[in-house]
Amino acid sequence: MIGKEGTPGPALTLSKVKDVIEQRKKKGELTYEQQLAEEHAKKFATISDSAADKMTKDLMDLGMSEAAAVKLIDIMPKSPMTVKQILMNENKTFSEDEITKIVSIIKAGA
């Protein structure tokens, strides 16, 4: 697999990755990379897959991309400054009210 070009897929939260790897584990033995991904997901996935899906939808309703919403869910920032830093690469500028809503959505999901 080294050197092969892959096509980028949809952005996945760590909780979704954890679920996908658990399903693959039931089918057979995991590769080394999948084992590493499983360990990482178990260590850092803090919310359930259904809660992550709901939070992703709520965050995307505020006008951000799916990739940015997934980053926010995986990092679970508690301060508005961290949210601003994560959203810096978005094409949209978020107001203070929107940042406050984002922080409240993240706190509600945690």
N, C-alpha and C. Protein backbone atom coordinates (compact mmCIF):
# COMPACT_ATOMS: atom_id res chain seq x y z
N MET A 1 0.80 -1.20 0.00
CA MET A 1 0.00 0.00 0.00
C MET A 1 0.85 1.27 0.00
N ILE A 2 2.13 1.14 0.28
CA ILE A 2 2.97 2.32 0.31
C ILE A 2 3.12 2.86 -1.10
N GLY A 3 2.92 4.15 -1.25
CA GLY A 3 3.07 4.79 -2.53
C GLY A 3 1.80 4.84 -3.35
N LYS A 4 0.75 4.18 -2.92
CA LYS A 4 -0.50 4.22 -3.66
C LYS A 4 -1.23 5.50 -3.35
N GLU A 5 -1.78 6.09 -4.37
CA GLU A 5 -2.58 7.30 -4.19
C GLU A 5 -4.00 6.88 -3.83
N GLY A 6 -4.56 7.51 -2.84
CA GLY A 6 -5.93 7.23 -2.44
C GLY A 6 -6.82 8.41 -2.77
N THR A 7 -8.08 8.14 -2.89
CA THR A 7 -9.02 9.22 -3.10
C THR A 7 -9.55 9.66 -1.75
N PRO A 8 -9.59 10.96 -1.50
CA PRO A 8 -10.09 11.41 -0.20
C PRO A 8 -11.57 11.11 -0.06
N GLY A 9 -11.94 10.59 1.08
CA GLY A 9 -13.33 10.28 1.34
C GLY A 9 -13.96 11.34 2.22
N PRO A 10 -15.12 11.06 2.73
CA PRO A 10 -15.78 12.02 3.61
C PRO A 10 -15.03 12.12 4.95
N ALA A 11 -15.17 13.25 5.59
CA ALA A 11 -14.56 13.44 6.91
C ALA A 11 -15.30 12.59 7.93
N LEU A 12 -14.58 11.87 8.77
CA LEU A 12 -15.19 11.00 9.78
C LEU A 12 -14.72 11.40 11.16
N THR A 13 -15.64 11.40 12.10
CA THR A 13 -15.26 11.66 13.49
C THR A 13 -14.58 10.42 14.05
N LEU A 14 -13.84 10.60 15.14
CA LEU A 14 -13.16 9.46 15.76
C LEU A 14 -14.14 8.40 16.23
N SER A 15 -15.32 8.80 16.68
CA SER A 15 -16.30 7.82 17.12
C SER A 15 -16.80 6.98 15.95
N LYS A 16 -16.94 7.59 14.77
CA LYS A 16 -17.35 6.85 13.57
C LYS A 16 -16.23 5.90 13.14
N VAL A 17 -14.99 6.37 13.20
CA VAL A 17 -13.83 5.54 12.87
C VAL A 17 -13.80 4.32 13.79
N LYS A 18 -14.04 4.55 15.07
CA LYS A 18 -14.05 3.46 16.04
C LYS A 18 -15.10 2.42 15.69
N ASP A 19 -16.29 2.85 15.30
CA ASP A 19 -17.35 1.93 14.91
C ASP A 19 -17.00 1.15 13.65
N VAL A 20 -16.43 1.83 12.66
CA VAL A 20 -16.05 1.17 11.40
C VAL A 20 -14.99 0.11 11.66
N ILE A 21 -14.01 0.44 12.48
CA ILE A 21 -12.93 -0.51 12.76
C ILE A 21 -13.47 -1.71 13.55
N GLU A 22 -14.39 -1.47 14.48
CA GLU A 22 -14.99 -2.59 15.22
C GLU A 22 -15.74 -3.53 14.29
N GLN A 23 -16.43 -2.98 13.29
CA GLN A 23 -17.13 -3.82 12.31
C GLN A 23 -16.14 -4.63 11.48
N ARG A 24 -15.04 -4.01 11.09
CA ARG A 24 -14.02 -4.74 10.31
C ARG A 24 -13.35 -5.81 11.15
N LYS A 25 -13.20 -5.54 12.43
CA LYS A 25 -12.56 -6.50 13.33
C LYS A 25 -13.40 -7.78 13.43
N LYS A 26 -14.72 -7.63 13.36
CA LYS A 26 -15.61 -8.80 13.42
C LYS A 26 -15.44 -9.68 12.18
N LYS A 27 -15.07 -9.08 11.06
CA LYS A 27 -14.92 -9.82 9.81
C LYS A 27 -13.59 -10.56 9.72
N GLY A 28 -12.58 -10.07 10.43
CA GLY A 28 -11.28 -10.71 10.37
C GLY A 28 -10.22 -9.90 11.07
N GLU A 29 -9.00 -10.33 10.92
CA GLU A 29 -7.87 -9.68 11.58
C GLU A 29 -7.58 -8.32 10.96
N LEU A 30 -7.23 -7.36 11.80
CA LEU A 30 -6.93 -6.01 11.35
C LEU A 30 -5.48 -5.90 10.89
N THR A 31 -5.23 -5.00 9.95
CA THR A 31 -3.86 -4.73 9.55
C THR A 31 -3.19 -3.88 10.64
N TYR A 32 -1.89 -3.70 10.51
CA TYR A 32 -1.15 -2.92 11.49
C TYR A 32 -1.68 -1.50 11.59
N GLU A 33 -1.94 -0.88 10.44
CA GLU A 33 -2.44 0.49 10.43
C GLU A 33 -3.82 0.58 11.07
N GLN A 34 -4.66 -0.42 10.81
CA GLN A 34 -5.99 -0.44 11.40
C GLN A 34 -5.91 -0.63 12.91
N GLN A 35 -4.95 -1.43 13.37
CA GLN A 35 -4.76 -1.60 14.81
C GLN A 35 -4.35 -0.29 15.47
N LEU A 36 -3.46 0.45 14.82
CA LEU A 36 -3.05 1.76 15.35
C LEU A 36 -4.22 2.72 15.37
N ALA A 37 -5.01 2.72 14.31
CA ALA A 37 -6.18 3.60 14.24
C ALA A 37 -7.19 3.22 15.33
N GLU A 38 -7.35 1.94 15.58
CA GLU A 38 -8.27 1.49 16.63
C GLU A 38 -7.81 1.96 18.01
N GLU A 39 -6.53 1.82 18.30
CA GLU A 39 -6.00 2.28 19.58
C GLU A 39 -6.20 3.78 19.75
N HIS A 40 -5.92 4.54 18.70
CA HIS A 40 -6.08 5.99 18.75
C HIS A 40 -7.54 6.37 18.95
N ALA A 41 -8.43 5.73 18.22
CA ALA A 41 -9.86 6.05 18.33
C ALA A 41 -10.39 5.69 19.72
N LYS A 42 -9.97 4.56 20.26
CA LYS A 42 -10.42 4.18 21.60
C LYS A 42 -9.93 5.18 22.65
N LYS A 43 -8.75 5.68 22.45
CA LYS A 43 -8.15 6.60 23.42
C LYS A 43 -8.79 7.98 23.37
N PHE A 44 -9.13 8.47 22.17
CA PHE A 44 -9.53 9.86 22.03
C PHE A 44 -10.99 10.09 21.65
N ALA A 45 -11.74 9.07 21.29
CA ALA A 45 -13.16 9.25 20.97
C ALA A 45 -13.92 9.43 22.28
N THR A 46 -14.48 10.61 22.47
CA THR A 46 -15.09 10.93 23.76
C THR A 46 -16.61 10.83 23.76
N ILE A 47 -17.23 10.82 22.58
CA ILE A 47 -18.70 10.77 22.53
C ILE A 47 -19.15 9.63 21.62
N SER A 48 -20.42 9.31 21.68
CA SER A 48 -20.96 8.23 20.86
C SER A 48 -21.09 8.68 19.41
N ASP A 49 -21.25 7.71 18.53
CA ASP A 49 -21.38 7.99 17.11
C ASP A 49 -22.65 8.78 16.81
N SER A 50 -23.74 8.43 17.46
CA SER A 50 -25.00 9.14 17.20
C SER A 50 -24.93 10.59 17.69
N ALA A 51 -24.29 10.81 18.83
CA ALA A 51 -24.13 12.18 19.33
C ALA A 51 -23.22 12.99 18.40
N ALA A 52 -22.19 12.34 17.87
CA ALA A 52 -21.29 13.02 16.94
C ALA A 52 -22.01 13.39 15.65
N ASP A 53 -22.88 12.51 15.17
CA ASP A 53 -23.65 12.81 13.96
C ASP A 53 -24.58 14.01 14.19
N LYS A 54 -25.23 14.04 15.34
CA LYS A 54 -26.14 15.15 15.66
C LYS A 54 -25.36 16.46 15.77
N MET A 55 -24.21 16.41 16.44
CA MET A 55 -23.39 17.61 16.57
C MET A 55 -22.87 18.08 15.22
N THR A 56 -22.49 17.15 14.35
CA THR A 56 -22.02 17.51 13.02
C THR A 56 -23.11 18.25 12.25
N LYS A 57 -24.32 17.73 12.32
CA LYS A 57 -25.45 18.38 11.63
C LYS A 57 -25.70 19.77 12.20
N ASP A 58 -25.71 19.89 13.53
CA ASP A 58 -25.94 21.18 14.17
C ASP A 58 -24.86 22.21 13.80
N LEU A 59 -23.61 21.76 13.77
CA LEU A 59 -22.52 22.68 13.43
C LEU A 59 -22.56 23.07 11.96
N MET A 60 -22.91 22.13 11.10
CA MET A 60 -22.98 22.44 9.67
C MET A 60 -24.15 23.39 9.38
N ASP A 61 -25.20 23.35 10.22
CA ASP A 61 -26.31 24.29 10.07
C ASP A 61 -25.88 25.73 10.31
N LEU A 62 -24.78 25.91 11.02
CA LEU A 62 -24.26 27.26 11.27
C LEU A 62 -23.41 27.78 10.10
N GLY A 63 -23.24 26.96 9.07
CA GLY A 63 -22.55 27.42 7.88
C GLY A 63 -21.11 26.99 7.73
N MET A 64 -20.68 25.99 8.47
CA MET A 64 -19.30 25.54 8.32
C MET A 64 -19.24 24.25 7.52
N SER A 65 -18.06 23.93 7.04
CA SER A 65 -17.88 22.72 6.25
C SER A 65 -17.92 21.49 7.17
N GLU A 66 -18.14 20.34 6.54
CA GLU A 66 -18.16 19.09 7.31
C GLU A 66 -16.81 18.81 7.94
N ALA A 67 -15.73 19.12 7.23
CA ALA A 67 -14.39 18.88 7.75
C ALA A 67 -14.13 19.71 9.01
N ALA A 68 -14.56 20.96 9.01
CA ALA A 68 -14.39 21.82 10.19
C ALA A 68 -15.23 21.32 11.36
N ALA A 69 -16.45 20.88 11.07
CA ALA A 69 -17.31 20.35 12.13
C ALA A 69 -16.69 19.10 12.76
N VAL A 70 -16.12 18.24 11.93
CA VAL A 70 -15.48 17.02 12.44
C VAL A 70 -14.27 17.37 13.30
N LYS A 71 -13.47 18.35 12.87
CA LYS A 71 -12.33 18.78 13.68
C LYS A 71 -12.78 19.27 15.05
N LEU A 72 -13.83 20.08 15.04
CA LEU A 72 -14.34 20.61 16.32
C LEU A 72 -14.81 19.47 17.23
N ILE A 73 -15.49 18.49 16.66
CA ILE A 73 -16.01 17.38 17.47
C ILE A 73 -14.86 16.53 18.00
N ASP A 74 -13.85 16.30 17.19
CA ASP A 74 -12.72 15.48 17.65
C ASP A 74 -11.90 16.19 18.72
N ILE A 75 -11.75 17.50 18.60
CA ILE A 75 -10.94 18.26 19.57
C ILE A 75 -11.75 18.65 20.81
N MET A 76 -13.05 18.93 20.62
CA MET A 76 -13.94 19.33 21.70
C MET A 76 -13.39 20.53 22.48
N PRO A 77 -13.16 21.66 21.79
CA PRO A 77 -12.61 22.83 22.47
C PRO A 77 -13.60 23.43 23.47
N LYS A 78 -13.07 23.95 24.56
CA LYS A 78 -13.92 24.52 25.60
C LYS A 78 -13.91 26.05 25.57
N SER A 79 -12.94 26.64 24.88
CA SER A 79 -12.86 28.10 24.86
C SER A 79 -13.16 28.65 23.46
N PRO A 80 -13.76 29.83 23.41
CA PRO A 80 -14.04 30.47 22.12
C PRO A 80 -12.77 30.74 21.29
N MET A 81 -11.67 31.01 21.95
CA MET A 81 -10.42 31.28 21.24
C MET A 81 -9.96 30.05 20.47
N THR A 82 -10.07 28.88 21.06
CA THR A 82 -9.69 27.65 20.38
C THR A 82 -10.61 27.38 19.19
N VAL A 83 -11.89 27.65 19.36
CA VAL A 83 -12.85 27.49 18.25
C VAL A 83 -12.46 28.40 17.10
N LYS A 84 -12.12 29.64 17.40
CA LYS A 84 -11.71 30.59 16.36
C LYS A 84 -10.47 30.10 15.62
N GLN A 85 -9.52 29.53 16.35
CA GLN A 85 -8.30 29.04 15.73
C GLN A 85 -8.58 27.85 14.81
N ILE A 86 -9.48 26.99 15.22
CA ILE A 86 -9.83 25.84 14.38
C ILE A 86 -10.55 26.29 13.12
N LEU A 87 -11.39 27.31 13.24
CA LEU A 87 -12.19 27.78 12.11
C LEU A 87 -11.47 28.82 11.24
N MET A 88 -10.21 29.08 11.52
CA MET A 88 -9.46 30.10 10.81
C MET A 88 -9.40 29.84 9.30
N ASN A 89 -9.36 28.58 8.89
CA ASN A 89 -9.22 28.25 7.47
C ASN A 89 -10.55 28.18 6.73
N GLU A 90 -11.64 28.41 7.42
CA GLU A 90 -12.95 28.41 6.77
C GLU A 90 -13.09 29.66 5.92
N ASN A 91 -13.86 29.55 4.85
CA ASN A 91 -14.08 30.70 3.96
C ASN A 91 -15.06 31.70 4.54
N LYS A 92 -15.65 31.38 5.65
CA LYS A 92 -16.65 32.24 6.28
C LYS A 92 -16.09 32.80 7.58
N THR A 93 -16.43 34.04 7.88
CA THR A 93 -16.07 34.63 9.16
C THR A 93 -17.25 34.46 10.10
N PHE A 94 -16.98 33.94 11.27
CA PHE A 94 -18.03 33.68 12.25
C PHE A 94 -18.09 34.81 13.26
N SER A 95 -19.30 35.24 13.59
CA SER A 95 -19.49 36.31 14.56
C SER A 95 -19.31 35.75 15.98
N GLU A 96 -19.23 36.66 16.94
CA GLU A 96 -19.08 36.24 18.33
C GLU A 96 -20.29 35.42 18.79
N ASP A 97 -21.48 35.78 18.32
CA ASP A 97 -22.68 35.01 18.68
C ASP A 97 -22.60 33.59 18.13
N GLU A 98 -22.13 33.45 16.89
CA GLU A 98 -21.99 32.12 16.30
C GLU A 98 -20.94 31.29 17.02
N ILE A 99 -19.85 31.93 17.41
CA ILE A 99 -18.80 31.22 18.17
C ILE A 99 -19.37 30.75 19.50
N THR A 100 -20.16 31.58 20.16
CA THR A 100 -20.80 31.21 21.42
C THR A 100 -21.74 30.03 21.22
N LYS A 101 -22.51 30.02 20.12
CA LYS A 101 -23.39 28.91 19.81
C LYS A 101 -22.59 27.62 19.57
N ILE A 102 -21.47 27.74 18.88
CA ILE A 102 -20.62 26.58 18.61
C ILE A 102 -20.11 25.99 19.92
N VAL A 103 -19.62 26.85 20.81
CA VAL A 103 -19.13 26.38 22.11
C VAL A 103 -20.25 25.71 22.90
N SER A 104 -21.46 26.27 22.85
CA SER A 104 -22.58 25.67 23.59
C SER A 104 -22.99 24.33 22.99
N ILE A 105 -22.94 24.19 21.67
CA ILE A 105 -23.24 22.91 21.04
C ILE A 105 -22.22 21.86 21.47
N ILE A 106 -20.97 22.24 21.51
CA ILE A 106 -19.91 21.30 21.88
C ILE A 106 -20.05 20.90 23.36
N LYS A 107 -20.32 21.87 24.22
CA LYS A 107 -20.51 21.56 25.65
C LYS A 107 -21.73 20.68 25.87
N ALA A 108 -22.80 20.90 25.11
CA ALA A 108 -24.00 20.08 25.25
C ALA A 108 -23.75 18.65 24.82
N GLY A 109 -22.89 18.47 23.81
CA GLY A 109 -22.59 17.12 23.32
C GLY A 109 -21.61 16.35 24.17
N ALA A 110 -20.84 17.07 24.97
CA ALA A 110 -19.83 16.42 25.80
C ALA A 110 -20.44 15.81 26.99
